[in-house]
Amino acid sequence: MKLVTFVSAGTIAYGVHLDDAVLHLPLAATLAGEPALPSDMIGFIATGSAGLATARRLIAATGAVLEARIPTAHVRLLAPIPRPAKNVFCVGRNYVDHVAEGYRARGTEIKLPEFPQFFTKPPTAVIGPDETFTHNPDLTQMLDYEVELAVIIGTRGCNIAADDAFQHVYGYTIANDITARDLQRRHDQWFKGKGLDRSCPLGPWIVTADDIADYRAIELSLFVNGERRQNAKVAQMIFDIPAIIASLSAGMTLEPGDIIITGTPSGVGYAMTPPHPLKAGDEVVCEIAPIGRLVTRIVGK
C-alpha cells in the first residue's frame, strides 16, 4: 500500500495512492460509516494494523466511497510526513564504498565505523517530491546529494532487540540527504551541514512494510541531470536495519512516525575527481526499487 499526504483544493489530507486516483482516507471512512480516522499521517500510522485493515476495506468499497477518490491530476503530493514530530534520525557512513571514497577524498587512512554513527536533520529540513532546494553560494560552495532508504517507525519501543526490530517498522520511503560539505567540515560535526532548510526531500509515499518482500534486495540509485552517480543494494549496508534500530533505541524511545534514514552508497559529488557539487539548474532524481522516484530541483538564490 502506498500512503501519501497531499493537497487538493487547498486542503491537506492523507490517503492511499491508487493507479489513477488518491483515496482520501478520513473522508472515505465517513462515507462508508467506519469509525473516524485520525486527521494526519502520524496519527494514522499510530493506528497500526487496525488502520491498514480499515484502509483495505475502504479501497474495496469502490461505490460507497466514490466521492473520496480524487484524480491524481487534481492533487499535489507533499512529503508523506510533512512535519515530523522529531528530528529525522540519520545514519552516517553506512556503506563500505562510501566510507572509502570519503577517506580517499581527504587523503587519510580508511577506517570502518565500529558502531552506527547517528546525527539528525530538523523538521524544517523536510520537503516533498518535485520541490526545490535553493542553493546559496554565499553559504556553501560544496552542495551535495545522498540517496537513502528511509524507515518509518510504526510501533513505540525502547531498548528494541535486533530480532524484534521489524515489529516496529511501519514502512519505507525515499530520502535525499542534501549536504553542505564545507559547512560540515567547518563546524567539525555533521548537524549544521546536514540541517539546512529544505535539505531533506522525502517521498513520494510510504510503502507499507507488508509490500516489501526482502528489504535487503532494495536497490538505490541517484541521477544528476540524467547521469547516474549512485547505485547499490541495501544488502551492502555495514549496519543493517535491525542493528540500526537496536542501537538507536537503546535508552531512547522510538515512536510512531519517527523517520530513520539509513545511509548512502558511494558516488557522492565531493568525492569525485574533480569534485562535482550541485549547482542551480541541476535536477536530482533518487530512485529506490520497489518504492519509486523522488525528484528535487536545485534553483538559484
Protein backbone atom coordinates (compact mmCIF):
# COMPACT_ATOMS: atom_id res chain seq x y z
CA MET A 1 0.00 0.00 0.00
CA LYS A 2 1.26 3.48 -0.90
CA LEU A 3 0.29 6.09 1.68
CA VAL A 4 0.50 9.77 0.75
CA THR A 5 -0.05 13.19 2.21
CA PHE A 6 -1.44 15.54 -0.41
CA VAL A 7 -3.02 18.91 -1.14
CA SER A 8 -6.31 19.09 -3.05
CA ALA A 9 -8.46 22.21 -3.44
CA GLY A 10 -6.33 23.95 -0.82
CA THR A 11 -6.82 21.24 1.82
CA ILE A 12 -4.07 18.99 3.22
CA ALA A 13 -5.12 15.38 3.73
CA TYR A 14 -3.70 11.86 3.61
CA GLY A 15 -4.74 8.70 1.87
CA VAL A 16 -3.84 5.81 -0.41
CA HIS A 17 -2.24 6.38 -3.81
CA LEU A 18 -4.02 4.22 -6.40
CA ASP A 19 -3.28 3.92 -10.11
CA ASP A 20 -5.34 6.88 -11.24
CA ALA A 21 -6.61 8.43 -8.02
CA VAL A 22 -5.88 9.14 -4.38
CA LEU A 23 -8.32 7.77 -1.82
CA HIS A 24 -8.89 10.39 0.91
CA LEU A 25 -8.95 8.01 3.88
CA PRO A 26 -10.74 10.08 6.58
CA LEU A 27 -13.42 11.15 4.10
CA ALA A 28 -13.82 7.59 2.82
CA ALA A 29 -14.25 6.32 6.38
CA THR A 30 -17.04 8.84 6.96
CA LEU A 31 -18.81 7.92 3.71
CA ALA A 32 -18.58 4.21 4.47
CA GLY A 33 -19.80 4.55 8.06
CA GLU A 34 -16.46 3.42 9.51
CA PRO A 35 -15.17 4.83 12.82
CA ALA A 36 -13.43 8.19 12.33
CA LEU A 37 -9.79 8.04 11.33
CA PRO A 38 -7.08 10.38 12.68
CA SER A 39 -6.64 13.71 10.93
CA ASP A 40 -3.00 13.30 9.85
CA MET A 41 -0.48 10.71 8.69
CA ILE A 42 1.32 10.33 12.03
CA GLY A 43 -1.99 9.65 13.75
CA PHE A 44 -2.89 7.09 11.10
CA ILE A 45 0.49 5.36 11.43
CA ALA A 46 -0.16 5.04 15.17
CA THR A 47 -3.33 3.02 14.43
CA GLY A 48 -1.06 0.27 13.10
CA SER A 49 -2.54 -2.88 11.59
CA ALA A 50 -6.10 -1.86 12.51
CA GLY A 51 -5.80 1.32 10.44
CA LEU A 52 -4.35 -0.58 7.48
CA ALA A 53 -7.20 -3.10 7.67
CA THR A 54 -9.65 -0.20 7.53
CA ALA A 55 -7.81 1.24 4.52
CA ARG A 56 -8.08 -2.08 2.69
CA ARG A 57 -11.82 -2.22 3.30
CA LEU A 58 -12.20 1.32 2.01
CA ILE A 59 -10.19 0.56 -1.13
CA ALA A 60 -12.54 -2.34 -1.84
CA ALA A 61 -15.67 -0.25 -1.17
CA THR A 62 -15.45 1.48 -4.54
CA GLY A 63 -19.03 2.66 -4.99
CA ALA A 64 -19.68 3.68 -1.40
CA VAL A 65 -16.63 5.95 -1.24
CA LEU A 66 -16.54 7.24 -4.81
CA GLU A 67 -16.56 10.88 -3.64
CA ALA A 68 -13.37 10.22 -1.65
CA ARG A 69 -11.43 9.22 -4.78
CA ILE A 70 -9.62 12.25 -6.18
CA PRO A 71 -7.97 12.02 -9.62
CA THR A 72 -4.20 12.18 -9.31
CA ALA A 73 -4.15 15.15 -11.70
CA HIS A 74 -6.01 17.14 -9.05
CA VAL A 75 -3.60 16.51 -6.17
CA ARG A 76 -0.12 17.68 -5.26
CA LEU A 77 1.93 15.29 -3.16
CA LEU A 78 3.70 16.54 -0.05
CA ALA A 79 6.28 14.68 2.00
CA PRO A 80 4.41 11.66 3.44
CA ILE A 81 5.10 13.11 6.90
CA PRO A 82 5.30 16.85 6.12
CA ARG A 83 6.23 17.93 9.64
CA PRO A 84 7.85 15.17 11.71
CA ALA A 85 7.28 15.37 15.46
CA LYS A 86 11.03 14.96 16.00
CA ASN A 87 14.23 15.50 14.08
CA VAL A 88 14.85 12.97 11.32
CA PHE A 89 17.31 10.36 12.60
CA CYS A 90 20.20 9.74 10.20
CA VAL A 91 22.94 7.14 9.90
CA GLY A 92 26.29 8.29 8.56
CA ARG A 93 28.93 6.28 6.74
CA ASN A 94 26.93 3.05 6.39
CA TYR A 95 28.19 1.70 3.04
CA VAL A 96 31.79 0.49 2.76
CA ASP A 97 32.47 2.12 -0.63
CA HIS A 98 31.10 5.46 0.61
CA VAL A 99 33.33 5.32 3.69
CA ALA A 100 36.30 4.54 1.45
CA GLU A 101 35.63 7.37 -1.02
CA GLY A 102 35.38 9.85 1.85
CA TYR A 103 38.74 8.87 3.27
CA ARG A 104 40.33 8.93 -0.19
CA ALA A 105 38.97 12.42 -0.82
CA ARG A 106 40.58 13.61 2.42
CA GLY A 107 43.80 11.65 1.84
CA THR A 108 43.55 9.69 5.09
CA GLU A 109 43.64 6.01 6.03
CA ILE A 110 40.38 4.09 5.64
CA LYS A 111 38.74 3.02 8.90
CA LEU A 112 35.27 1.50 9.02
CA PRO A 113 32.94 2.53 11.86
CA GLU A 114 32.53 0.02 14.69
CA PHE A 115 29.07 1.29 15.67
CA PRO A 116 26.34 3.18 13.80
CA GLN A 117 27.09 6.90 13.59
CA PHE A 118 23.96 8.96 14.21
CA PHE A 119 23.10 12.58 13.52
CA THR A 120 19.80 14.38 12.84
CA LYS A 121 18.09 16.79 10.46
CA PRO A 122 15.46 19.18 11.89
CA PRO A 123 11.79 19.06 10.84
CA THR A 124 12.34 22.30 8.86
CA ALA A 125 14.59 20.30 6.51
CA VAL A 126 11.71 18.14 5.23
CA ILE A 127 10.16 18.87 1.83
CA GLY A 128 8.18 16.73 -0.58
CA PRO A 129 8.59 15.34 -4.10
CA ASP A 130 9.09 17.71 -7.02
CA GLU A 131 10.03 20.60 -4.73
CA THR A 132 13.08 22.84 -4.97
CA PHE A 133 16.17 23.47 -2.89
CA THR A 134 17.69 26.95 -3.13
CA HIS A 135 21.46 26.94 -3.48
CA ASN A 136 23.03 29.94 -1.77
CA PRO A 137 26.68 30.13 -2.90
CA ASP A 138 27.41 32.64 -0.12
CA LEU A 139 26.59 29.84 2.34
CA THR A 140 28.10 26.78 0.65
CA GLN A 141 30.34 26.06 -2.31
CA MET A 142 30.12 22.28 -1.92
CA LEU A 143 26.47 21.27 -2.05
CA ASP A 144 25.98 17.52 -2.32
CA TYR A 145 23.35 14.78 -2.61
CA GLU A 146 22.80 11.40 -0.91
CA VAL A 147 20.09 8.92 -1.85
CA GLU A 148 18.93 6.95 1.19
CA LEU A 149 16.32 4.42 2.22
CA ALA A 150 14.10 5.90 4.93
CA VAL A 151 12.48 3.65 7.55
CA ILE A 152 9.21 4.76 9.15
CA ILE A 153 8.62 3.57 12.72
CA GLY A 154 5.12 2.29 13.42
CA THR A 155 5.19 0.95 16.97
CA ARG A 156 6.58 2.65 20.07
CA GLY A 157 9.60 0.99 21.65
CA CYS A 158 12.73 1.45 23.72
CA ASN A 159 15.68 -0.94 24.01
CA ILE A 160 14.39 -2.85 20.98
CA ALA A 161 16.23 -6.10 20.32
CA ALA A 162 17.54 -6.56 16.80
CA ASP A 163 15.43 -9.72 16.45
CA ASP A 164 12.31 -7.66 17.20
CA ALA A 165 13.17 -4.65 15.05
CA PHE A 166 10.76 -5.34 12.19
CA GLN A 167 7.84 -5.47 14.62
CA HIS A 168 8.39 -1.70 14.90
CA VAL A 169 8.81 -0.92 11.17
CA TYR A 170 5.70 0.51 9.50
CA GLY A 171 7.10 1.13 6.04
CA TYR A 172 9.67 2.77 3.83
CA THR A 173 10.16 5.86 1.70
CA ILE A 174 12.96 7.65 -0.19
CA ALA A 175 15.17 10.39 1.25
CA ASN A 176 17.77 12.71 -0.25
CA ASP A 177 20.21 13.87 2.43
CA ILE A 178 21.26 17.17 0.82
CA THR A 179 24.51 18.25 2.46
CA ALA A 180 26.72 21.34 2.57
CA ARG A 181 30.08 19.55 2.80
CA ASP A 182 32.09 22.69 3.55
CA LEU A 183 29.81 23.58 6.48
CA GLN A 184 30.08 20.01 7.68
CA ARG A 185 33.89 20.33 7.78
CA ARG A 186 33.95 23.93 9.07
CA HIS A 187 31.90 23.15 12.16
CA ASP A 188 33.71 19.82 12.78
CA GLN A 189 30.39 17.97 13.14
CA TRP A 190 27.58 16.96 10.81
CA PHE A 191 24.46 18.73 12.06
CA LYS A 192 24.98 22.21 10.58
CA GLY A 193 25.98 20.98 7.13
CA LYS A 194 23.13 18.46 7.11
CA GLY A 195 20.42 20.59 8.71
CA LEU A 196 19.76 23.38 6.23
CA ASP A 197 16.17 24.32 5.45
CA ARG A 198 14.63 22.07 2.78
CA SER A 199 17.63 19.74 2.81
CA CYS A 200 15.64 16.53 3.41
CA PRO A 201 13.36 15.73 0.47
CA LEU A 202 11.13 12.75 1.34
CA GLY A 203 8.63 10.76 -0.65
CA PRO A 204 6.77 10.33 -2.80
CA TRP A 205 4.87 7.95 -0.48
CA ILE A 206 5.28 5.43 2.31
CA VAL A 207 5.25 1.85 1.03
CA THR A 208 3.97 -0.29 3.89
CA ALA A 209 6.31 -2.99 5.16
CA ASP A 210 3.99 -5.82 4.07
CA ASP A 211 4.63 -4.84 0.45
CA ILE A 212 8.42 -5.29 0.75
CA ALA A 213 9.28 -8.99 0.47
CA ASP A 214 13.03 -8.66 1.10
CA TYR A 215 14.35 -5.31 2.28
CA ARG A 216 17.95 -6.36 1.61
CA ALA A 217 17.18 -6.62 -2.12
CA ILE A 218 16.05 -2.98 -2.30
CA GLU A 219 18.18 -1.09 -4.85
CA LEU A 220 19.09 2.60 -4.58
CA SER A 221 20.12 4.85 -7.47
CA LEU A 222 20.66 8.58 -7.89
CA PHE A 223 20.90 10.63 -11.08
CA VAL A 224 22.03 14.22 -11.62
CA ASN A 225 20.74 15.65 -14.90
CA GLY A 226 20.25 12.08 -16.13
CA GLU A 227 23.76 10.87 -15.22
CA ARG A 228 23.77 8.01 -12.75
CA ARG A 229 26.02 8.85 -9.81
CA GLN A 230 24.99 6.31 -7.15
CA ASN A 231 23.82 2.69 -7.25
CA ALA A 232 23.80 -0.01 -4.56
CA LYS A 233 21.64 -2.53 -2.75
CA VAL A 234 20.59 -2.29 0.88
CA ALA A 235 22.38 -5.61 1.43
CA GLN A 236 25.64 -3.65 1.16
CA MET A 237 24.98 -1.70 4.38
CA ILE A 238 27.58 -2.03 7.12
CA PHE A 239 24.82 -1.92 9.77
CA ASP A 240 21.54 -3.44 8.68
CA ILE A 241 18.11 -2.14 9.69
CA PRO A 242 17.77 -4.37 12.79
CA ALA A 243 21.20 -3.25 14.02
CA ILE A 244 20.34 0.41 13.40
CA ILE A 245 17.02 0.19 15.28
CA ALA A 246 18.55 -1.74 18.18
CA SER A 247 21.39 0.76 18.56
CA LEU A 248 19.25 3.88 18.14
CA SER A 249 16.54 2.70 20.54
CA ALA A 250 18.97 1.78 23.31
CA GLY A 251 17.84 4.03 26.16
CA MET A 252 15.82 6.21 23.71
CA THR A 253 12.18 5.70 22.81
CA LEU A 254 11.17 5.48 19.17
CA GLU A 255 7.57 6.44 18.38
CA PRO A 256 5.09 6.10 15.51
CA GLY A 257 6.03 8.44 12.68
CA ASP A 258 9.72 8.63 13.58
CA ILE A 259 11.91 8.61 10.47
CA ILE A 260 15.31 6.93 10.17
CA ILE A 261 17.38 7.45 7.03
CA THR A 262 19.89 4.66 6.76
CA GLY A 263 22.97 5.92 4.93
CA THR A 264 24.11 6.47 1.35
CA PRO A 265 26.29 4.47 -1.04
CA SER A 266 29.34 5.72 -2.92
CA GLY A 267 29.20 8.23 -5.75
CA VAL A 268 28.70 11.50 -3.88
CA GLY A 269 29.79 14.65 -5.67
CA TYR A 270 32.52 15.87 -3.31
CA ALA A 271 34.45 12.59 -3.64
CA MET A 272 34.57 12.66 -7.45
CA THR A 273 37.75 13.69 -9.29
CA PRO A 274 37.36 16.57 -9.76
CA PRO A 275 34.51 17.21 -7.29
CA HIS A 276 31.04 17.75 -8.78
CA PRO A 277 28.99 19.85 -6.35
CA LEU A 278 25.37 20.61 -7.12
CA LYS A 279 24.56 23.92 -8.78
CA ALA A 280 21.50 25.92 -9.74
CA GLY A 281 19.69 24.23 -12.61
CA ASP A 282 20.55 20.67 -11.59
CA GLU A 283 17.83 18.04 -11.32
CA VAL A 284 18.43 15.27 -8.78
CA VAL A 285 16.42 12.06 -9.13
CA CYS A 286 16.53 9.44 -6.37
CA GLU A 287 15.16 6.04 -7.31
CA ILE A 288 14.58 3.12 -4.98
CA ALA A 289 13.11 -0.07 -6.37
CA PRO A 290 10.41 -1.05 -5.49
CA ILE A 291 9.34 2.28 -3.94
CA GLY A 292 9.54 4.85 -6.74
CA ARG A 293 11.35 8.07 -7.56
CA LEU A 294 11.91 11.37 -5.76
CA VAL A 295 12.78 14.44 -7.82
CA THR A 296 14.39 17.62 -6.42
CA ARG A 297 15.45 20.61 -8.48
CA ILE A 298 18.23 22.95 -7.42
CA VAL A 299 17.45 26.61 -8.00
CA GLY A 300 19.50 29.79 -7.66
CA LYS A 301 19.37 32.25 -4.79
